[in-house]
Amino acid sequence: MIETCVFCDIVAGRAPAERVGENERALAILDIHPFAEGHTLVISKRHVPWWHDLTREETADVFELAREVAGRLRRAFNPEFVAMYARGRRIPHTHIFLVPTVAGDVLDKFYNGLEKVQETSEELAALRTGSARREAARRIKGA
């Protein structure tokens, strides 16, 4: 059985969405489960699960549209900044989250908690050493 992709259905016009921007290879829509007013998703028009597997042209269009929409979000909602992150695990179709955010809002609290884990977790302690960072840098540069 082939499962359908809600983002592919939106791109094709088979599913509803509040479209707030578009270019040749990307579409910006409002998230139906927003973290904040104006929370937008920028999706690739072609079904590609992970953003790092997009073509150069698709990458350029997705991130250019994200930049344009972030500017509009700043003018429309006057946030401190527009948070951007990529996901794809739950819905395996490239999507970039753009969330207008201010200090103390739900997303800020989440990231503050995540950063505390990042900085203090014993499980991650070995990754914080200088030797671990040097080894990671060596592997990245050699890949």
N, C-alpha and C. Protein backbone atom coordinates (compact mmCIF):
# COMPACT_ATOMS: atom_id res chain seq x y z
N MET A 1 0.84 -1.19 0.00
CA MET A 1 0.00 0.00 0.00
C MET A 1 0.88 1.25 0.00
N ILE A 2 0.61 2.16 -0.91
CA ILE A 2 1.35 3.41 -0.99
C ILE A 2 0.66 4.44 -0.11
N GLU A 3 1.43 5.02 0.80
CA GLU A 3 0.88 6.07 1.65
C GLU A 3 0.95 7.40 0.93
N THR A 4 0.00 8.26 1.24
CA THR A 4 0.01 9.58 0.62
C THR A 4 0.79 10.55 1.49
N CYS A 5 1.26 11.60 0.88
CA CYS A 5 2.01 12.64 1.58
C CYS A 5 1.15 13.89 1.59
N VAL A 6 0.84 14.38 2.78
CA VAL A 6 -0.01 15.56 2.89
C VAL A 6 0.63 16.77 2.21
N PHE A 7 1.95 16.92 2.28
CA PHE A 7 2.59 18.06 1.63
C PHE A 7 2.53 17.95 0.12
N CYS A 8 2.68 16.74 -0.42
CA CYS A 8 2.52 16.55 -1.87
C CYS A 8 1.09 16.90 -2.28
N ASP A 9 0.12 16.51 -1.46
CA ASP A 9 -1.29 16.84 -1.76
C ASP A 9 -1.51 18.34 -1.74
N ILE A 10 -0.88 19.04 -0.81
CA ILE A 10 -1.01 20.50 -0.74
C ILE A 10 -0.38 21.14 -1.98
N VAL A 11 0.82 20.71 -2.34
CA VAL A 11 1.50 21.25 -3.52
C VAL A 11 0.64 21.06 -4.76
N ALA A 12 0.00 19.87 -4.88
CA ALA A 12 -0.82 19.55 -6.04
C ALA A 12 -2.21 20.19 -6.00
N GLY A 13 -2.55 20.84 -4.88
CA GLY A 13 -3.86 21.47 -4.77
C GLY A 13 -4.97 20.50 -4.36
N ARG A 14 -4.60 19.30 -3.91
CA ARG A 14 -5.59 18.30 -3.50
C ARG A 14 -5.96 18.42 -2.02
N ALA A 15 -5.20 19.21 -1.27
CA ALA A 15 -5.47 19.41 0.16
C ALA A 15 -5.39 20.90 0.44
N PRO A 16 -6.21 21.36 1.38
CA PRO A 16 -6.23 22.80 1.68
C PRO A 16 -5.01 23.23 2.49
N ALA A 17 -4.64 24.48 2.31
CA ALA A 17 -3.58 25.09 3.11
C ALA A 17 -3.65 26.60 2.92
N GLU A 18 -3.23 27.31 3.93
CA GLU A 18 -3.09 28.77 3.83
C GLU A 18 -1.72 29.05 3.25
N ARG A 19 -1.69 29.34 1.95
CA ARG A 19 -0.44 29.62 1.24
C ARG A 19 -0.04 31.07 1.49
N VAL A 20 1.22 31.26 1.90
CA VAL A 20 1.69 32.62 2.17
C VAL A 20 2.89 33.02 1.31
N GLY A 21 3.37 32.10 0.47
CA GLY A 21 4.47 32.41 -0.42
C GLY A 21 4.77 31.23 -1.32
N GLU A 22 5.38 31.53 -2.46
CA GLU A 22 5.68 30.46 -3.41
C GLU A 22 6.72 30.93 -4.40
N ASN A 23 7.53 30.01 -4.85
CA ASN A 23 8.42 30.24 -5.99
C ASN A 23 8.45 28.96 -6.82
N GLU A 24 9.37 28.85 -7.72
CA GLU A 24 9.36 27.73 -8.67
C GLU A 24 9.44 26.36 -7.99
N ARG A 25 10.23 26.25 -6.93
CA ARG A 25 10.48 24.94 -6.33
C ARG A 25 10.08 24.83 -4.87
N ALA A 26 9.44 25.85 -4.31
CA ALA A 26 9.09 25.85 -2.89
C ALA A 26 7.75 26.52 -2.66
N LEU A 27 7.13 26.14 -1.56
CA LEU A 27 5.83 26.67 -1.17
C LEU A 27 5.85 26.95 0.33
N ALA A 28 5.32 28.09 0.74
CA ALA A 28 5.22 28.44 2.17
C ALA A 28 3.76 28.40 2.58
N ILE A 29 3.47 27.66 3.66
CA ILE A 29 2.11 27.49 4.16
C ILE A 29 2.11 27.68 5.68
N LEU A 30 0.96 28.08 6.20
CA LEU A 30 0.85 28.17 7.66
C LEU A 30 0.73 26.77 8.25
N ASP A 31 1.40 26.56 9.37
CA ASP A 31 1.35 25.27 10.08
C ASP A 31 -0.02 25.13 10.73
N ILE A 32 -0.60 23.93 10.66
CA ILE A 32 -1.93 23.73 11.28
C ILE A 32 -1.83 23.49 12.78
N HIS A 33 -0.62 23.30 13.30
CA HIS A 33 -0.39 23.16 14.74
C HIS A 33 0.70 24.16 15.15
N PRO A 34 0.38 25.46 15.10
CA PRO A 34 1.43 26.47 15.28
C PRO A 34 1.96 26.60 16.70
N PHE A 35 3.25 26.89 16.79
CA PHE A 35 3.87 27.27 18.06
C PHE A 35 3.59 28.73 18.38
N ALA A 36 3.33 29.53 17.34
CA ALA A 36 3.09 30.96 17.50
C ALA A 36 2.27 31.45 16.31
N GLU A 37 1.66 32.61 16.47
CA GLU A 37 0.93 33.20 15.36
C GLU A 37 1.89 33.42 14.19
N GLY A 38 1.50 32.95 13.02
CA GLY A 38 2.32 33.11 11.84
C GLY A 38 3.28 31.96 11.57
N HIS A 39 3.34 30.97 12.45
CA HIS A 39 4.22 29.81 12.27
C HIS A 39 4.02 29.24 10.87
N THR A 40 5.09 29.24 10.09
CA THR A 40 5.03 28.89 8.67
C THR A 40 5.94 27.71 8.38
N LEU A 41 5.53 26.88 7.43
CA LEU A 41 6.37 25.81 6.91
C LEU A 41 6.74 26.15 5.49
N VAL A 42 8.00 26.00 5.15
CA VAL A 42 8.45 26.14 3.77
C VAL A 42 8.78 24.74 3.30
N ILE A 43 8.07 24.28 2.27
CA ILE A 43 8.22 22.91 1.79
C ILE A 43 8.75 22.91 0.36
N SER A 44 9.48 21.87 0.04
CA SER A 44 9.91 21.69 -1.34
C SER A 44 8.70 21.21 -2.14
N LYS A 45 8.61 21.62 -3.38
CA LYS A 45 7.49 21.16 -4.22
C LYS A 45 7.67 19.70 -4.62
N ARG A 46 8.90 19.28 -4.77
CA ARG A 46 9.17 17.88 -5.09
C ARG A 46 9.27 17.11 -3.79
N HIS A 47 8.76 15.89 -3.79
CA HIS A 47 8.83 15.06 -2.59
C HIS A 47 10.26 14.58 -2.37
N VAL A 48 10.91 15.17 -1.38
CA VAL A 48 12.25 14.79 -0.96
C VAL A 48 12.22 14.75 0.57
N PRO A 49 12.47 13.59 1.17
CA PRO A 49 12.35 13.50 2.63
C PRO A 49 13.25 14.45 3.41
N TRP A 50 14.49 14.62 3.01
CA TRP A 50 15.43 15.39 3.82
C TRP A 50 15.98 16.58 3.03
N TRP A 51 16.07 17.73 3.66
CA TRP A 51 16.50 18.95 2.97
C TRP A 51 17.89 18.80 2.36
N HIS A 52 18.76 18.04 2.99
CA HIS A 52 20.12 17.91 2.46
C HIS A 52 20.20 17.01 1.23
N ASP A 53 19.07 16.44 0.81
CA ASP A 53 19.01 15.66 -0.43
C ASP A 53 18.36 16.44 -1.58
N LEU A 54 18.01 17.70 -1.34
CA LEU A 54 17.48 18.54 -2.42
C LEU A 54 18.57 18.85 -3.43
N THR A 55 18.17 19.18 -4.66
CA THR A 55 19.14 19.67 -5.63
C THR A 55 19.61 21.06 -5.19
N ARG A 56 20.69 21.53 -5.79
CA ARG A 56 21.17 22.89 -5.48
C ARG A 56 20.07 23.92 -5.76
N GLU A 57 19.37 23.75 -6.87
CA GLU A 57 18.32 24.70 -7.26
C GLU A 57 17.16 24.65 -6.26
N GLU A 58 16.78 23.46 -5.84
CA GLU A 58 15.70 23.34 -4.85
C GLU A 58 16.13 23.94 -3.52
N THR A 59 17.36 23.67 -3.11
CA THR A 59 17.88 24.24 -1.87
C THR A 59 17.83 25.77 -1.92
N ALA A 60 18.28 26.33 -3.03
CA ALA A 60 18.28 27.78 -3.18
C ALA A 60 16.85 28.32 -3.08
N ASP A 61 15.90 27.69 -3.75
CA ASP A 61 14.52 28.18 -3.72
C ASP A 61 13.89 28.03 -2.34
N VAL A 62 14.13 26.90 -1.67
CA VAL A 62 13.55 26.69 -0.33
C VAL A 62 14.08 27.75 0.64
N PHE A 63 15.40 27.94 0.65
CA PHE A 63 15.96 28.88 1.62
C PHE A 63 15.74 30.33 1.23
N GLU A 64 15.65 30.63 -0.05
CA GLU A 64 15.31 32.00 -0.47
C GLU A 64 13.88 32.33 -0.05
N LEU A 65 12.96 31.39 -0.25
CA LEU A 65 11.58 31.62 0.17
C LEU A 65 11.50 31.74 1.69
N ALA A 66 12.27 30.94 2.40
CA ALA A 66 12.30 31.04 3.86
C ALA A 66 12.77 32.43 4.29
N ARG A 67 13.79 32.95 3.64
CA ARG A 67 14.29 34.29 3.96
C ARG A 67 13.23 35.35 3.69
N GLU A 68 12.57 35.25 2.54
CA GLU A 68 11.51 36.21 2.19
C GLU A 68 10.38 36.18 3.20
N VAL A 69 9.91 34.97 3.52
CA VAL A 69 8.78 34.85 4.45
C VAL A 69 9.18 35.29 5.85
N ALA A 70 10.40 34.99 6.27
CA ALA A 70 10.86 35.45 7.58
C ALA A 70 10.81 36.97 7.68
N GLY A 71 11.16 37.65 6.61
CA GLY A 71 11.07 39.11 6.59
C GLY A 71 9.63 39.58 6.75
N ARG A 72 8.71 38.89 6.07
CA ARG A 72 7.30 39.25 6.20
C ARG A 72 6.79 38.95 7.61
N LEU A 73 7.24 37.84 8.19
CA LEU A 73 6.83 37.51 9.57
C LEU A 73 7.32 38.58 10.54
N ARG A 74 8.53 39.07 10.33
CA ARG A 74 9.06 40.11 11.20
C ARG A 74 8.22 41.39 11.09
N ARG A 75 7.83 41.74 9.88
CA ARG A 75 7.02 42.95 9.70
C ARG A 75 5.59 42.75 10.23
N ALA A 76 5.04 41.57 10.06
CA ALA A 76 3.65 41.31 10.45
C ALA A 76 3.47 41.14 11.95
N PHE A 77 4.43 40.48 12.62
CA PHE A 77 4.24 40.11 14.03
C PHE A 77 5.25 40.71 14.99
N ASN A 78 6.27 41.39 14.47
CA ASN A 78 7.28 42.06 15.29
C ASN A 78 7.88 41.15 16.37
N PRO A 79 8.32 39.94 16.00
CA PRO A 79 8.95 39.07 17.00
C PRO A 79 10.38 39.53 17.29
N GLU A 80 10.96 38.98 18.33
CA GLU A 80 12.37 39.25 18.62
C GLU A 80 13.23 38.70 17.46
N PHE A 81 12.89 37.51 16.98
CA PHE A 81 13.53 36.92 15.82
C PHE A 81 12.62 35.81 15.29
N VAL A 82 12.97 35.28 14.13
CA VAL A 82 12.22 34.16 13.55
C VAL A 82 13.12 32.93 13.63
N ALA A 83 12.70 31.98 14.46
CA ALA A 83 13.45 30.73 14.60
C ALA A 83 13.25 29.90 13.34
N MET A 84 14.31 29.22 12.94
CA MET A 84 14.23 28.35 11.76
C MET A 84 14.85 27.01 12.11
N TYR A 85 14.15 25.95 11.78
CA TYR A 85 14.74 24.62 11.92
C TYR A 85 14.08 23.68 10.93
N ALA A 86 14.77 22.60 10.67
CA ALA A 86 14.28 21.61 9.70
C ALA A 86 13.92 20.33 10.44
N ARG A 87 12.86 19.72 9.97
CA ARG A 87 12.47 18.41 10.49
C ARG A 87 12.09 17.57 9.29
N GLY A 88 11.51 16.44 9.55
CA GLY A 88 11.11 15.57 8.47
C GLY A 88 10.85 14.15 8.95
N ARG A 89 11.08 13.92 10.22
CA ARG A 89 10.91 12.57 10.74
C ARG A 89 9.43 12.15 10.76
N ARG A 90 8.56 13.01 11.24
CA ARG A 90 7.13 12.65 11.34
C ARG A 90 6.46 12.68 9.98
N ILE A 91 6.72 13.71 9.20
CA ILE A 91 6.23 13.80 7.82
C ILE A 91 7.47 13.84 6.94
N PRO A 92 7.81 12.72 6.27
CA PRO A 92 9.07 12.66 5.53
C PRO A 92 9.02 13.38 4.19
N HIS A 93 8.88 14.70 4.26
CA HIS A 93 8.90 15.58 3.10
C HIS A 93 9.59 16.85 3.60
N THR A 94 10.62 17.31 2.91
CA THR A 94 11.39 18.46 3.36
C THR A 94 10.47 19.60 3.80
N HIS A 95 10.67 20.04 5.04
CA HIS A 95 9.98 21.24 5.50
C HIS A 95 10.82 21.97 6.53
N ILE A 96 10.86 23.28 6.33
CA ILE A 96 11.60 24.19 7.19
C ILE A 96 10.57 24.95 8.03
N PHE A 97 10.75 24.93 9.33
CA PHE A 97 9.87 25.65 10.23
C PHE A 97 10.36 27.08 10.38
N LEU A 98 9.47 28.03 10.28
CA LEU A 98 9.74 29.44 10.57
C LEU A 98 8.78 29.86 11.66
N VAL A 99 9.31 30.17 12.84
CA VAL A 99 8.45 30.48 13.98
C VAL A 99 8.83 31.83 14.58
N PRO A 100 7.93 32.82 14.45
CA PRO A 100 8.18 34.09 15.13
C PRO A 100 8.28 33.82 16.64
N THR A 101 9.32 34.32 17.28
CA THR A 101 9.51 33.99 18.69
C THR A 101 9.97 35.19 19.50
N VAL A 102 9.63 35.15 20.77
CA VAL A 102 10.06 36.16 21.73
C VAL A 102 10.50 35.44 23.00
N ALA A 103 11.29 36.11 23.80
CA ALA A 103 11.77 35.53 25.06
C ALA A 103 10.60 35.07 25.91
N GLY A 104 10.69 33.83 26.40
CA GLY A 104 9.68 33.30 27.30
C GLY A 104 8.52 32.59 26.63
N ASP A 105 8.44 32.62 25.30
CA ASP A 105 7.34 31.89 24.66
C ASP A 105 7.63 30.39 24.67
N VAL A 106 6.69 29.59 24.19
CA VAL A 106 6.80 28.14 24.31
C VAL A 106 8.04 27.60 23.60
N LEU A 107 8.37 28.12 22.44
CA LEU A 107 9.53 27.63 21.72
C LEU A 107 10.83 28.05 22.43
N ASP A 108 10.87 29.26 22.94
CA ASP A 108 12.04 29.74 23.69
C ASP A 108 12.26 28.85 24.91
N LYS A 109 11.20 28.51 25.63
CA LYS A 109 11.31 27.64 26.81
C LYS A 109 11.82 26.26 26.41
N PHE A 110 11.33 25.73 25.30
CA PHE A 110 11.77 24.43 24.83
C PHE A 110 13.26 24.45 24.52
N TYR A 111 13.70 25.45 23.74
CA TYR A 111 15.11 25.51 23.37
C TYR A 111 16.01 25.80 24.57
N ASN A 112 15.54 26.59 25.53
CA ASN A 112 16.32 26.81 26.74
C ASN A 112 16.52 25.49 27.48
N GLY A 113 15.46 24.67 27.55
CA GLY A 113 15.57 23.36 28.19
C GLY A 113 16.50 22.44 27.42
N LEU A 114 16.39 22.46 26.09
CA LEU A 114 17.25 21.63 25.26
C LEU A 114 18.71 22.03 25.41
N GLU A 115 18.97 23.34 25.46
CA GLU A 115 20.34 23.82 25.64
C GLU A 115 20.90 23.42 27.00
N LYS A 116 20.05 23.38 28.02
CA LYS A 116 20.51 22.94 29.34
C LYS A 116 20.95 21.48 29.27
N VAL A 117 20.17 20.65 28.57
CA VAL A 117 20.55 19.25 28.38
C VAL A 117 21.87 19.18 27.61
N GLN A 118 21.98 19.96 26.56
CA GLN A 118 23.19 19.97 25.73
C GLN A 118 24.42 20.32 26.56
N GLU A 119 24.29 21.26 27.47
CA GLU A 119 25.42 21.75 28.24
C GLU A 119 25.74 20.91 29.47
N THR A 120 24.76 20.17 30.01
CA THR A 120 24.99 19.50 31.30
C THR A 120 24.81 17.98 31.29
N SER A 121 24.28 17.42 30.23
CA SER A 121 23.99 15.99 30.20
C SER A 121 25.27 15.15 30.29
N GLU A 122 25.27 14.20 31.21
CA GLU A 122 26.39 13.26 31.31
C GLU A 122 26.45 12.39 30.06
N GLU A 123 25.30 12.11 29.47
CA GLU A 123 25.24 11.29 28.26
C GLU A 123 26.00 11.95 27.10
N LEU A 124 26.05 13.27 27.08
CA LEU A 124 26.72 14.01 26.01
C LEU A 124 28.10 14.51 26.41
N ALA A 125 28.53 14.26 27.63
CA ALA A 125 29.78 14.82 28.15
C ALA A 125 30.97 14.49 27.27
N ALA A 126 31.05 13.27 26.78
CA ALA A 126 32.21 12.87 25.97
C ALA A 126 32.31 13.68 24.68
N LEU A 127 31.17 14.16 24.17
CA LEU A 127 31.17 14.95 22.94
C LEU A 127 31.68 16.37 23.15
N ARG A 128 31.69 16.83 24.40
CA ARG A 128 32.09 18.21 24.70
C ARG A 128 33.59 18.38 24.85
N THR A 129 34.36 17.30 24.84
CA THR A 129 35.80 17.41 25.04
C THR A 129 36.47 17.96 23.78
N GLY A 130 37.60 18.59 23.97
CA GLY A 130 38.36 19.12 22.84
C GLY A 130 38.77 18.01 21.88
N SER A 131 39.17 16.86 22.41
CA SER A 131 39.61 15.77 21.54
C SER A 131 38.44 15.24 20.71
N ALA A 132 37.24 15.19 21.29
CA ALA A 132 36.07 14.73 20.54
C ALA A 132 35.73 15.71 19.42
N ARG A 133 35.81 17.01 19.70
CA ARG A 133 35.53 18.00 18.66
C ARG A 133 36.58 17.95 17.55
N ARG A 134 37.84 17.78 17.92
CA ARG A 134 38.90 17.67 16.90
C ARG A 134 38.67 16.44 16.02
N GLU A 135 38.30 15.33 16.62
CA GLU A 135 38.03 14.10 15.85
C GLU A 135 36.83 14.30 14.94
N ALA A 136 35.78 14.93 15.43
CA ALA A 136 34.61 15.20 14.58
C ALA A 136 34.99 16.10 13.42
N ALA A 137 35.78 17.13 13.68
CA ALA A 137 36.22 18.05 12.62
C ALA A 137 37.05 17.29 11.58
N ARG A 138 37.94 16.41 12.02
CA ARG A 138 38.75 15.63 11.11
C ARG A 138 37.88 14.77 10.22
N ARG A 139 36.87 14.12 10.81
CA ARG A 139 35.98 13.25 10.02
C ARG A 139 35.16 14.04 9.02
N ILE A 140 34.68 15.20 9.44
CA ILE A 140 33.87 16.04 8.52
C ILE A 140 34.73 16.53 7.36
N LYS A 141 35.91 17.01 7.69
CA LYS A 141 36.79 17.53 6.63
C LYS A 141 37.21 16.43 5.65
N GLY A 142 37.32 15.21 6.13
CA GLY A 142 37.76 14.11 5.27
C GLY A 142 36.64 13.41 4.53
N ALA A 143 35.41 13.76 4.83
CA ALA A 143 34.28 13.06 4.20
C ALA A 143 34.05 13.53 2.78
